[in-house]
């Protein structure tokens, strides 16, 4: 089976979904549905390191690569996640080339980076060859940075020069908030900035995608029509709500028909 990085390099559209709740059984269930990856979010959720470990084990069991978004562009926050061996890591709120360089440095071992040494689950607790991991396997990690501000869009040409960035993820809500139009993401100035970001990434030969909580047809078509390479869509709790609503509404409809 091709790794997530091999799929990313192929240029095919990668489709994932967000994991926000703590129970790792969710990752096992959702991971068996056929997504290219699971986006495990530790920025806006209660998922701690122990919960994250369970999600990573469950995603491995379902043969679906896990991508982890850390809470901030910080080497300390990245380190413990990297040692758990996810398929990818997402750095939020990267606005400048210097910030992007710092993010990439903490993912790469010396002499090209400054990642501290101490992989555990990443080398299956010593079952895998540690020298091979240092020189090759660790480089299979997919390293993503998020484009979430007008400043990031303006600096994207320079940011994209970093050879270790594997792709960009647009955060449309924060991007709209950065220009004082929070929530207006489908048109207007935010949409213009998104189009500029996509154009700049493609010009640099870098994959670019979006993280969206919505999973309706119109929203997904809006994004896919832009020619993006990656999309993480929907959440597991949205699926629970939609399923429960369907069951309840069907019961109500049947009862109304009996009156």
C-alpha atoms as a PDB file:
ATOM      1  CA  UNK A   1       0.000   0.000   0.000  1.00  0.00           C
ATOM      2  CA  UNK A   2       1.342   3.421  -0.959  1.00  0.00           C
ATOM      3  CA  UNK A   3       2.253   5.678   1.946  1.00  0.00           C
ATOM      4  CA  UNK A   4       0.448   8.974   2.452  1.00  0.00           C
ATOM      5  CA  UNK A   5       3.531  10.774   1.174  1.00  0.00           C
ATOM      6  CA  UNK A   6       3.602   8.693  -2.000  1.00  0.00           C
ATOM      7  CA  UNK A   7      -0.072   9.500  -2.593  1.00  0.00           C
ATOM      8  CA  UNK A   8       0.625  13.173  -1.948  1.00  0.00           C
ATOM      9  CA  UNK A   9       3.462  13.189  -4.459  1.00  0.00           C
ATOM     10  CA  UNK A  10       1.302  11.478  -7.068  1.00  0.00           C
ATOM     11  CA  UNK A  11      -0.931  14.535  -7.321  1.00  0.00           C
ATOM     12  CA  UNK A  12      -4.149  12.593  -6.715  1.00  0.00           C
ATOM     13  CA  UNK A  13      -6.831  14.164  -4.575  1.00  0.00           C
ATOM     14  CA  UNK A  14      -6.482  13.109  -0.946  1.00  0.00           C
ATOM     15  CA  UNK A  15      -9.698  13.008   1.090  1.00  0.00           C
ATOM     16  CA  UNK A  16      -9.743  12.945   4.865  1.00  0.00           C
ATOM     17  CA  UNK A  17     -12.068  13.689   7.749  1.00  0.00           C
ATOM     18  CA  UNK A  18     -11.639  15.253  11.174  1.00  0.00           C
ATOM     19  CA  UNK A  19     -11.454  13.404  14.465  1.00  0.00           C
ATOM     20  CA  UNK A  20     -12.377  15.663  17.393  1.00  0.00           C
ATOM     21  CA  UNK A  21     -13.789  13.420  20.122  1.00  0.00           C
ATOM     22  CA  UNK A  22     -11.730  11.523  22.671  1.00  0.00           C
ATOM     23  CA  UNK A  23     -12.829   7.911  22.183  1.00  0.00           C
ATOM     24  CA  UNK A  24     -10.278   6.197  19.942  1.00  0.00           C
ATOM     25  CA  UNK A  25     -12.861   3.649  18.795  1.00  0.00           C
ATOM     26  CA  UNK A  26     -14.108   6.476  16.563  1.00  0.00           C
ATOM     27  CA  UNK A  27     -10.838   6.379  14.634  1.00  0.00           C
ATOM     28  CA  UNK A  28     -11.127   2.622  14.269  1.00  0.00           C
ATOM     29  CA  UNK A  29     -14.671   2.918  12.889  1.00  0.00           C
ATOM     30  CA  UNK A  30     -14.111   5.914  10.621  1.00  0.00           C
ATOM     31  CA  UNK A  31     -10.747   4.569   9.509  1.00  0.00           C
ATOM     32  CA  UNK A  32     -12.472   1.551   7.971  1.00  0.00           C
ATOM     33  CA  UNK A  33     -14.641   3.710   5.679  1.00  0.00           C
ATOM     34  CA  UNK A  34     -11.994   4.331   3.017  1.00  0.00           C
ATOM     35  CA  UNK A  35     -10.646   7.835   3.678  1.00  0.00           C
ATOM     36  CA  UNK A  36      -7.093   8.578   2.593  1.00  0.00           C
ATOM     37  CA  UNK A  37      -6.270   9.964   6.038  1.00  0.00           C
ATOM     38  CA  UNK A  38      -7.717  10.914   9.415  1.00  0.00           C
ATOM     39  CA  UNK A  39      -7.095  14.467  10.656  1.00  0.00           C
ATOM     40  CA  UNK A  40      -6.734  14.167  14.434  1.00  0.00           C
ATOM     41  CA  UNK A  41      -7.154  17.639  15.885  1.00  0.00           C
ATOM     42  CA  UNK A  42      -5.409  18.632  19.106  1.00  0.00           C
ATOM     43  CA  UNK A  43      -5.698  22.376  18.504  1.00  0.00           C
ATOM     44  CA  UNK A  44      -9.398  22.906  19.196  1.00  0.00           C
ATOM     45  CA  UNK A  45     -10.343  19.744  21.100  1.00  0.00           C
ATOM     46  CA  UNK A  46      -9.887  18.008  24.445  1.00  0.00           C
ATOM     47  CA  UNK A  47      -7.692  15.310  22.882  1.00  0.00           C
ATOM     48  CA  UNK A  48      -4.591  14.981  25.086  1.00  0.00           C
ATOM     49  CA  UNK A  49      -1.477  12.877  24.513  1.00  0.00           C
ATOM     50  CA  UNK A  50      -2.994   9.699  25.954  1.00  0.00           C
ATOM     51  CA  UNK A  51      -6.133  10.097  23.821  1.00  0.00           C
ATOM     52  CA  UNK A  52      -3.955  10.829  20.813  1.00  0.00           C
ATOM     53  CA  UNK A  53      -1.969   7.653  21.325  1.00  0.00           C
ATOM     54  CA  UNK A  54      -5.193   5.645  21.303  1.00  0.00           C
ATOM     55  CA  UNK A  55      -6.341   7.343  18.100  1.00  0.00           C
ATOM     56  CA  UNK A  56      -3.013   6.605  16.413  1.00  0.00           C
ATOM     57  CA  UNK A  57      -3.154   2.945  17.394  1.00  0.00           C
ATOM     58  CA  UNK A  58      -6.749   2.701  16.140  1.00  0.00           C
ATOM     59  CA  UNK A  59      -5.965   4.417  12.844  1.00  0.00           C
ATOM     60  CA  UNK A  60      -3.073   2.008  12.345  1.00  0.00           C
ATOM     61  CA  UNK A  61      -5.411  -0.905  12.995  1.00  0.00           C
ATOM     62  CA  UNK A  62      -7.760   0.382  10.296  1.00  0.00           C
ATOM     63  CA  UNK A  63      -4.879   0.938   7.831  1.00  0.00           C
ATOM     64  CA  UNK A  64      -5.633   4.648   7.513  1.00  0.00           C
ATOM     65  CA  UNK A  65      -2.791   7.168   7.926  1.00  0.00           C
ATOM     66  CA  UNK A  66      -3.238   9.706  10.710  1.00  0.00           C
ATOM     67  CA  UNK A  67      -2.339  13.376  10.388  1.00  0.00           C
ATOM     68  CA  UNK A  68      -2.125  15.310  13.661  1.00  0.00           C
ATOM     69  CA  UNK A  69      -2.700  19.034  13.972  1.00  0.00           C
ATOM     70  CA  UNK A  70      -0.796  20.382  16.956  1.00  0.00           C
ATOM     71  CA  UNK A  71      -2.079  23.415  18.913  1.00  0.00           C
ATOM     72  CA  UNK A  72       0.648  25.843  17.830  1.00  0.00           C
ATOM     73  CA  UNK A  73       3.875  26.173  15.876  1.00  0.00           C
ATOM     74  CA  UNK A  74       6.087  25.130  18.767  1.00  0.00           C
ATOM     75  CA  UNK A  75       8.870  22.520  18.851  1.00  0.00           C
ATOM     76  CA  UNK A  76       7.884  21.288  22.311  1.00  0.00           C
ATOM     77  CA  UNK A  77       4.309  20.649  21.178  1.00  0.00           C
ATOM     78  CA  UNK A  78       5.552  18.909  18.034  1.00  0.00           C
ATOM     79  CA  UNK A  79       8.167  16.703  19.674  1.00  0.00           C
ATOM     80  CA  UNK A  80       5.960  14.267  21.604  1.00  0.00           C
ATOM     81  CA  UNK A  81       3.585  13.948  18.661  1.00  0.00           C
ATOM     82  CA  UNK A  82       6.438  13.128  16.283  1.00  0.00           C
ATOM     83  CA  UNK A  83       7.726  10.434  18.647  1.00  0.00           C
ATOM     84  CA  UNK A  84       4.306   8.731  18.408  1.00  0.00           C
ATOM     85  CA  UNK A  85       4.849   8.196  14.677  1.00  0.00           C
ATOM     86  CA  UNK A  86       1.913   9.806  12.858  1.00  0.00           C
ATOM     87  CA  UNK A  87       1.907   9.845   9.066  1.00  0.00           C
ATOM     88  CA  UNK A  88       1.732  13.628   9.051  1.00  0.00           C
ATOM     89  CA  UNK A  89       1.795  16.751  11.186  1.00  0.00           C
ATOM     90  CA  UNK A  90       0.010  20.070  10.667  1.00  0.00           C
ATOM     91  CA  UNK A  91       1.389  23.357  11.989  1.00  0.00           C
ATOM     92  CA  UNK A  92      -1.321  26.026  12.405  1.00  0.00           C
ATOM     93  CA  UNK A  93      -0.978  29.783  11.955  1.00  0.00           C
ATOM     94  CA  UNK A  94       2.280  29.855   9.977  1.00  0.00           C
ATOM     95  CA  UNK A  95       2.562  33.400   8.646  1.00  0.00           C
ATOM     96  CA  UNK A  96       6.165  33.958   7.540  1.00  0.00           C
ATOM     97  CA  UNK A  97       9.059  32.103   5.965  1.00  0.00           C
ATOM     98  CA  UNK A  98      10.883  32.264   9.301  1.00  0.00           C
ATOM     99  CA  UNK A  99       7.966  30.628  11.101  1.00  0.00           C
ATOM    100  CA  UNK A 100       7.751  27.960   8.402  1.00  0.00           C
ATOM    101  CA  UNK A 101      11.473  27.275   8.672  1.00  0.00           C
ATOM    102  CA  UNK A 102      11.152  26.844  12.450  1.00  0.00           C
ATOM    103  CA  UNK A 103       8.309  24.360  11.978  1.00  0.00           C
ATOM    104  CA  UNK A 104      10.266  22.289   9.496  1.00  0.00           C
ATOM    105  CA  UNK A 105      13.458  22.380  11.574  1.00  0.00           C
ATOM    106  CA  UNK A 106      11.787  20.624  14.495  1.00  0.00           C
ATOM    107  CA  UNK A 107      10.724  17.758  12.173  1.00  0.00           C
ATOM    108  CA  UNK A 108      14.188  17.107  10.709  1.00  0.00           C
ATOM    109  CA  UNK A 109      17.129  15.526  12.481  1.00  0.00           C
ATOM    110  CA  UNK A 110      20.552  17.250  12.480  1.00  0.00           C
ATOM    111  CA  UNK A 111      22.455  18.382  10.547  1.00  0.00           C
ATOM    112  CA  UNK A 112      19.567  19.731   8.440  1.00  0.00           C
ATOM    113  CA  UNK A 113      17.200  20.334  11.355  1.00  0.00           C
ATOM    114  CA  UNK A 114      17.077  20.381  15.127  1.00  0.00           C
ATOM    115  CA  UNK A 115      14.646  17.589  16.003  1.00  0.00           C
ATOM    116  CA  UNK A 116      15.550  16.080  19.342  1.00  0.00           C
ATOM    117  CA  UNK A 117      16.245  12.374  19.331  1.00  0.00           C
ATOM    118  CA  UNK A 118      13.936   9.989  21.147  1.00  0.00           C
ATOM    119  CA  UNK A 119      11.532   8.143  18.831  1.00  0.00           C
ATOM    120  CA  UNK A 120       9.480   5.491  20.579  1.00  0.00           C
ATOM    121  CA  UNK A 121       6.312   4.398  18.827  1.00  0.00           C
ATOM    122  CA  UNK A 122       7.771   5.923  15.624  1.00  0.00           C
ATOM    123  CA  UNK A 123      10.251   3.022  15.502  1.00  0.00           C
ATOM    124  CA  UNK A 124       7.863   0.503  17.070  1.00  0.00           C
ATOM    125  CA  UNK A 125       9.717   0.816  20.359  1.00  0.00           C
ATOM    126  CA  UNK A 126      12.982  -0.420  18.873  1.00  0.00           C
ATOM    127  CA  UNK A 127      11.718  -3.151  16.577  1.00  0.00           C
ATOM    128  CA  UNK A 128      12.595  -1.008  13.542  1.00  0.00           C
ATOM    129  CA  UNK A 129      16.147  -0.057  12.636  1.00  0.00           C
ATOM    130  CA  UNK A 130      16.888   3.265  14.303  1.00  0.00           C
ATOM    131  CA  UNK A 131      19.625   4.254  11.833  1.00  0.00           C
ATOM    132  CA  UNK A 132      17.265   3.673   8.927  1.00  0.00           C
ATOM    133  CA  UNK A 133      14.623   5.745  10.690  1.00  0.00           C
ATOM    134  CA  UNK A 134      17.015   8.657  11.185  1.00  0.00           C
ATOM    135  CA  UNK A 135      18.197   8.739   7.578  1.00  0.00           C
ATOM    136  CA  UNK A 136      15.126   7.707   5.590  1.00  0.00           C
ATOM    137  CA  UNK A 137      11.954   6.614   7.379  1.00  0.00           C
ATOM    138  CA  UNK A 138      11.620   9.831   9.379  1.00  0.00           C
ATOM    139  CA  UNK A 139      11.550  11.757   6.113  1.00  0.00           C
ATOM    140  CA  UNK A 140       8.356   9.934   5.113  1.00  0.00           C
ATOM    141  CA  UNK A 141       6.491  12.192   7.538  1.00  0.00           C
ATOM    142  CA  UNK A 142       4.123  14.550   5.685  1.00  0.00           C
ATOM    143  CA  UNK A 143       4.809  18.078   6.925  1.00  0.00           C
ATOM    144  CA  UNK A 144       1.968  20.557   6.411  1.00  0.00           C
ATOM    145  CA  UNK A 145       1.616  24.213   7.319  1.00  0.00           C
ATOM    146  CA  UNK A 146      -1.661  26.080   7.488  1.00  0.00           C
ATOM    147  CA  UNK A 147      -2.442  29.265   5.584  1.00  0.00           C
ATOM    148  CA  UNK A 148      -4.818  31.097   7.904  1.00  0.00           C
ATOM    149  CA  UNK A 149      -4.105  34.823   7.576  1.00  0.00           C
ATOM    150  CA  UNK A 150      -3.752  37.483   4.923  1.00  0.00           C
ATOM    151  CA  UNK A 151      -0.113  37.798   5.990  1.00  0.00           C
ATOM    152  CA  UNK A 152       0.470  34.124   5.209  1.00  0.00           C
ATOM    153  CA  UNK A 153      -1.045  34.507   1.739  1.00  0.00           C
ATOM    154  CA  UNK A 154       1.142  37.532   1.053  1.00  0.00           C
ATOM    155  CA  UNK A 155       4.244  35.623   2.149  1.00  0.00           C
ATOM    156  CA  UNK A 156       3.382  32.318   0.510  1.00  0.00           C
ATOM    157  CA  UNK A 157       5.881  32.626  -2.343  1.00  0.00           C
ATOM    158  CA  UNK A 158       8.716  32.912   0.152  1.00  0.00           C
ATOM    159  CA  UNK A 159       7.283  30.281   2.521  1.00  0.00           C
ATOM    160  CA  UNK A 160       6.951  27.781  -0.341  1.00  0.00           C
ATOM    161  CA  UNK A 161      10.689  27.920  -1.013  1.00  0.00           C
ATOM    162  CA  UNK A 162      11.274  25.711   2.020  1.00  0.00           C
ATOM    163  CA  UNK A 163      12.047  22.274   0.530  1.00  0.00           C
ATOM    164  CA  UNK A 164      10.726  20.353   3.543  1.00  0.00           C
ATOM    165  CA  UNK A 165       7.149  21.634   3.329  1.00  0.00           C
ATOM    166  CA  UNK A 166       5.052  18.891   1.762  1.00  0.00           C
ATOM    167  CA  UNK A 167       1.847  20.851   1.452  1.00  0.00           C
ATOM    168  CA  UNK A 168      -0.339  23.726   2.559  1.00  0.00           C
ATOM    169  CA  UNK A 169      -3.742  23.595   4.227  1.00  0.00           C
ATOM    170  CA  UNK A 170      -6.032  26.618   4.003  1.00  0.00           C
ATOM    171  CA  UNK A 171      -7.944  27.506   7.161  1.00  0.00           C
ATOM    172  CA  UNK A 172     -10.795  29.528   5.632  1.00  0.00           C
ATOM    173  CA  UNK A 173     -12.469  30.717   8.843  1.00  0.00           C
ATOM    174  CA  UNK A 174      -9.328  32.124  10.433  1.00  0.00           C
ATOM    175  CA  UNK A 175      -8.365  33.574   7.075  1.00  0.00           C
ATOM    176  CA  UNK A 176     -11.683  35.409   6.908  1.00  0.00           C
ATOM    177  CA  UNK A 177     -11.209  36.537  10.511  1.00  0.00           C
ATOM    178  CA  UNK A 178      -7.784  37.973   9.709  1.00  0.00           C
ATOM    179  CA  UNK A 179      -9.441  40.526   7.426  1.00  0.00           C
ATOM    180  CA  UNK A 180     -12.343  41.279   9.741  1.00  0.00           C
ATOM    181  CA  UNK A 181     -14.904  39.137   7.879  1.00  0.00           C
ATOM    182  CA  UNK A 182     -15.114  36.050  10.099  1.00  0.00           C
ATOM    183  CA  UNK A 183     -17.366  33.428   8.554  1.00  0.00           C
ATOM    184  CA  UNK A 184     -17.567  34.954   5.094  1.00  0.00           C
ATOM    185  CA  UNK A 185     -15.477  32.391   3.265  1.00  0.00           C
ATOM    186  CA  UNK A 186     -17.237  31.518   0.013  1.00  0.00           C
ATOM    187  CA  UNK A 187     -17.008  34.882  -1.714  1.00  0.00           C
ATOM    188  CA  UNK A 188     -15.602  38.368  -1.413  1.00  0.00           C
ATOM    189  CA  UNK A 189     -12.089  39.156  -0.217  1.00  0.00           C
ATOM    190  CA  UNK A 190     -11.558  35.831   1.560  1.00  0.00           C
ATOM    191  CA  UNK A 191     -12.305  33.902  -1.606  1.00  0.00           C
ATOM    192  CA  UNK A 192      -9.916  36.153  -3.528  1.00  0.00           C
ATOM    193  CA  UNK A 193      -7.137  35.445  -1.012  1.00  0.00           C
ATOM    194  CA  UNK A 194      -7.845  31.715  -1.191  1.00  0.00           C
ATOM    195  CA  UNK A 195      -7.528  31.778  -4.973  1.00  0.00           C
ATOM    196  CA  UNK A 196      -4.229  33.645  -4.673  1.00  0.00           C
ATOM    197  CA  UNK A 197      -2.932  31.070  -2.159  1.00  0.00           C
ATOM    198  CA  UNK A 198      -3.872  28.179  -4.443  1.00  0.00           C
ATOM    199  CA  UNK A 199      -2.237  29.852  -7.418  1.00  0.00           C
ATOM    200  CA  UNK A 200       0.981  30.542  -5.496  1.00  0.00           C
ATOM    201  CA  UNK A 201       1.211  26.999  -4.121  1.00  0.00           C
ATOM    202  CA  UNK A 202       0.616  25.447  -7.516  1.00  0.00           C
ATOM    203  CA  UNK A 203       3.198  27.746  -9.092  1.00  0.00           C
ATOM    204  CA  UNK A 204       5.702  26.529  -6.491  1.00  0.00           C
ATOM    205  CA  UNK A 205       4.768  22.910  -7.199  1.00  0.00           C
ATOM    206  CA  UNK A 206       3.366  22.351  -3.713  1.00  0.00           C
ATOM    207  CA  UNK A 207       0.094  20.547  -2.935  1.00  0.00           C
ATOM    208  CA  UNK A 208      -2.547  22.698  -1.285  1.00  0.00           C
ATOM    209  CA  UNK A 209      -5.857  21.851   0.296  1.00  0.00           C
ATOM    210  CA  UNK A 210      -8.462  22.901   2.810  1.00  0.00           C
ATOM    211  CA  UNK A 211      -9.844  21.908   6.184  1.00  0.00           C
ATOM    212  CA  UNK A 212     -13.621  22.364   6.368  1.00  0.00           C
ATOM    213  CA  UNK A 213     -16.115  21.141   8.910  1.00  0.00           C
ATOM    214  CA  UNK A 214     -18.885  21.096   6.313  1.00  0.00           C
ATOM    215  CA  UNK A 215     -19.647  18.050   4.189  1.00  0.00           C
ATOM    216  CA  UNK A 216     -22.609  19.186   2.070  1.00  0.00           C
ATOM    217  CA  UNK A 217     -22.483  18.826  -1.706  1.00  0.00           C
ATOM    218  CA  UNK A 218     -22.363  22.554  -2.476  1.00  0.00           C
ATOM    219  CA  UNK A 219     -19.470  23.246  -0.110  1.00  0.00           C
ATOM    220  CA  UNK A 220     -17.422  20.296  -1.322  1.00  0.00           C
ATOM    221  CA  UNK A 221     -18.027  21.195  -4.968  1.00  0.00           C
ATOM    222  CA  UNK A 222     -16.982  24.788  -4.242  1.00  0.00           C
ATOM    223  CA  UNK A 223     -13.613  23.588  -2.960  1.00  0.00           C
ATOM    224  CA  UNK A 224     -12.971  20.824  -5.464  1.00  0.00           C
ATOM    225  CA  UNK A 225     -13.749  23.162  -8.374  1.00  0.00           C
ATOM    226  CA  UNK A 226     -10.746  25.222  -7.257  1.00  0.00           C
ATOM    227  CA  UNK A 227      -8.429  22.370  -8.164  1.00  0.00           C
ATOM    228  CA  UNK A 228      -7.099  21.639  -4.679  1.00  0.00           C
ATOM    229  CA  UNK A 229      -5.094  18.505  -3.902  1.00  0.00           C
ATOM    230  CA  UNK A 230      -6.202  17.798  -0.328  1.00  0.00           C
ATOM    231  CA  UNK A 231      -9.491  18.121   1.515  1.00  0.00           C
ATOM    232  CA  UNK A 232     -10.351  17.230   5.095  1.00  0.00           C
ATOM    233  CA  UNK A 233     -14.096  17.449   5.443  1.00  0.00           C
ATOM    234  CA  UNK A 234     -16.695  16.952   8.127  1.00  0.00           C
ATOM    235  CA  UNK A 235     -16.348  15.638  11.656  1.00  0.00           C
ATOM    236  CA  UNK A 236     -17.364  12.495  13.440  1.00  0.00           C
ATOM    237  CA  UNK A 237     -19.691  14.417  15.739  1.00  0.00           C
ATOM    238  CA  UNK A 238     -21.436  15.942  12.719  1.00  0.00           C
ATOM    239  CA  UNK A 239     -22.064  12.391  11.489  1.00  0.00           C
ATOM    240  CA  UNK A 240     -23.511  11.431  14.875  1.00  0.00           C
ATOM    241  CA  UNK A 241     -25.803  14.476  14.880  1.00  0.00           C
ATOM    242  CA  UNK A 242     -26.943  13.896  11.302  1.00  0.00           C
ATOM    243  CA  UNK A 243     -27.644  10.208  11.950  1.00  0.00           C
ATOM    244  CA  UNK A 244     -29.531  10.906  15.163  1.00  0.00           C
ATOM    245  CA  UNK A 245     -31.562  13.678  13.524  1.00  0.00           C
ATOM    246  CA  UNK A 246     -32.496  11.384  10.655  1.00  0.00           C
ATOM    247  CA  UNK A 247     -33.717   8.691  13.046  1.00  0.00           C
ATOM    248  CA  UNK A 248     -35.702  11.171  15.152  1.00  0.00           C
ATOM    249  CA  UNK A 249     -37.242  12.955  12.171  1.00  0.00           C
ATOM    250  CA  UNK A 250     -38.274   9.643  10.596  1.00  0.00           C
ATOM    251  CA  UNK A 251     -39.999   8.593  13.806  1.00  0.00           C
ATOM    252  CA  UNK A 252     -41.787  11.952  14.032  1.00  0.00           C
ATOM    253  CA  UNK A 253     -42.884  11.683  10.404  1.00  0.00           C
ATOM    254  CA  UNK A 254     -44.312   8.175  10.938  1.00  0.00           C
ATOM    255  CA  UNK A 255     -46.191   9.296  14.051  1.00  0.00           C
ATOM    256  CA  UNK A 256     -47.627  12.325  12.213  1.00  0.00           C
ATOM    257  CA  UNK A 257     -48.829  10.061   9.386  1.00  0.00           C
ATOM    258  CA  UNK A 258     -50.728   7.945  11.930  1.00  0.00           C
ATOM    259  CA  UNK A 259     -52.754  10.908  13.178  1.00  0.00           C
END
